[in-house]
């Protein structure tokens, strides 16, 4: 399950359809580009609440997956608490993989 999600995230990133970080994801939602928000399980409750409000306001699907350090290690960056996907097909594939 996890490997498939990570592979899809890498593909979305290479295609330029993934944003990471709170501000980038917020901008993506506001500009109606975001199709899916993925937040880390170890994200602060206050930030989770803000993301849920953002997702509801802009009709974006939201799901919990992985941890900040997992995202940071996978994408060779600092720990990342939230990722957004800007492509409907990647979004659908990732959601199906998480649910399976």
Protein backbone atom coordinates (compact mmCIF):
# COMPACT_ATOMS: atom_id res chain seq x y z
CA UNK A 1 0.00 0.00 0.00
CA UNK A 2 2.56 2.58 1.11
CA UNK A 3 5.01 1.92 -1.71
CA UNK A 4 2.36 2.43 -4.38
CA UNK A 5 1.33 5.75 -2.83
CA UNK A 6 4.97 6.90 -2.62
CA UNK A 7 5.56 5.87 -6.26
CA UNK A 8 2.49 7.85 -7.36
CA UNK A 9 3.68 10.86 -5.37
CA UNK A 10 7.08 10.69 -7.09
CA UNK A 11 5.39 10.47 -10.50
CA UNK A 12 3.16 13.44 -9.70
CA UNK A 13 6.19 15.43 -8.56
CA UNK A 14 8.10 14.66 -11.77
CA UNK A 15 5.05 15.69 -13.79
CA UNK A 16 4.93 19.00 -11.91
CA UNK A 17 1.57 18.15 -10.36
CA UNK A 18 2.64 18.02 -6.70
CA UNK A 19 3.21 20.85 -4.27
CA UNK A 20 4.64 20.46 -0.79
CA UNK A 21 4.49 22.69 2.23
CA UNK A 22 1.70 24.56 3.91
CA UNK A 23 1.89 27.83 1.94
CA UNK A 24 2.23 26.18 -1.48
CA UNK A 25 -0.74 23.90 -0.80
CA UNK A 26 -2.83 26.79 0.48
CA UNK A 27 -2.09 28.79 -2.70
CA UNK A 28 -2.95 25.74 -4.80
CA UNK A 29 -6.33 25.42 -3.08
CA UNK A 30 -7.10 29.12 -3.44
CA UNK A 31 -6.28 29.04 -7.16
CA UNK A 32 -8.52 25.94 -7.57
CA UNK A 33 -5.62 23.77 -8.78
CA UNK A 34 -5.55 21.34 -5.85
CA UNK A 35 -7.43 18.05 -6.23
CA UNK A 36 -6.15 16.28 -3.11
CA UNK A 37 -4.51 17.33 0.17
CA UNK A 38 -2.38 14.74 1.96
CA UNK A 39 -1.29 15.58 5.49
CA UNK A 40 1.13 13.76 7.77
CA UNK A 41 -0.24 11.90 10.77
CA UNK A 42 2.13 13.78 13.09
CA UNK A 43 0.96 17.22 11.98
CA UNK A 44 -0.16 19.58 14.77
CA UNK A 45 -3.90 19.53 15.52
CA UNK A 46 -4.21 23.26 14.82
CA UNK A 47 -2.74 22.79 11.34
CA UNK A 48 -4.97 19.77 10.65
CA UNK A 49 -8.01 21.85 11.57
CA UNK A 50 -6.88 24.67 9.26
CA UNK A 51 -6.36 22.17 6.40
CA UNK A 52 -9.82 20.65 6.91
CA UNK A 53 -11.38 24.14 6.79
CA UNK A 54 -9.36 24.94 3.65
CA UNK A 55 -10.38 21.66 1.99
CA UNK A 56 -14.05 22.19 2.82
CA UNK A 57 -14.00 25.79 1.57
CA UNK A 58 -12.50 24.86 -1.80
CA UNK A 59 -14.09 21.38 -2.20
CA UNK A 60 -10.75 19.55 -2.11
CA UNK A 61 -10.45 15.94 -0.92
CA UNK A 62 -8.23 15.48 2.12
CA UNK A 63 -6.57 12.37 3.53
CA UNK A 64 -4.01 11.44 6.18
CA UNK A 65 -0.96 9.44 5.11
CA UNK A 66 2.60 8.92 6.34
CA UNK A 67 4.66 11.16 8.58
CA UNK A 68 6.56 14.42 8.14
CA UNK A 69 9.90 12.63 8.22
CA UNK A 70 8.72 10.05 5.63
CA UNK A 71 7.83 12.86 3.21
CA UNK A 72 11.06 14.69 4.01
CA UNK A 73 13.19 11.59 3.38
CA UNK A 74 11.35 10.62 0.19
CA UNK A 75 11.62 14.04 -1.40
CA UNK A 76 15.09 14.89 -0.07
CA UNK A 77 13.94 18.01 1.74
CA UNK A 78 13.08 19.20 5.22
CA UNK A 79 10.23 17.46 6.99
CA UNK A 80 7.02 18.17 5.10
CA UNK A 81 3.64 18.12 6.83
CA UNK A 82 1.33 18.57 3.84
CA UNK A 83 1.39 17.73 0.15
CA UNK A 84 -1.17 18.58 -2.48
CA UNK A 85 -1.81 16.92 -5.82
CA UNK A 86 -2.95 19.07 -8.75
CA UNK A 87 -4.00 16.30 -11.14
CA UNK A 88 -7.30 14.41 -10.99
CA UNK A 89 -5.85 11.08 -12.19
CA UNK A 90 -2.96 11.07 -9.72
CA UNK A 91 -5.41 12.11 -7.02
CA UNK A 92 -7.75 9.22 -7.82
CA UNK A 93 -4.90 6.68 -7.92
CA UNK A 94 -3.45 7.85 -4.62
CA UNK A 95 -6.85 7.79 -2.88
CA UNK A 96 -7.54 4.26 -4.15
CA UNK A 97 -4.11 3.09 -2.99
CA UNK A 98 -4.58 4.56 0.49
CA UNK A 99 -8.05 3.03 0.89
CA UNK A 100 -7.01 -0.46 -0.36
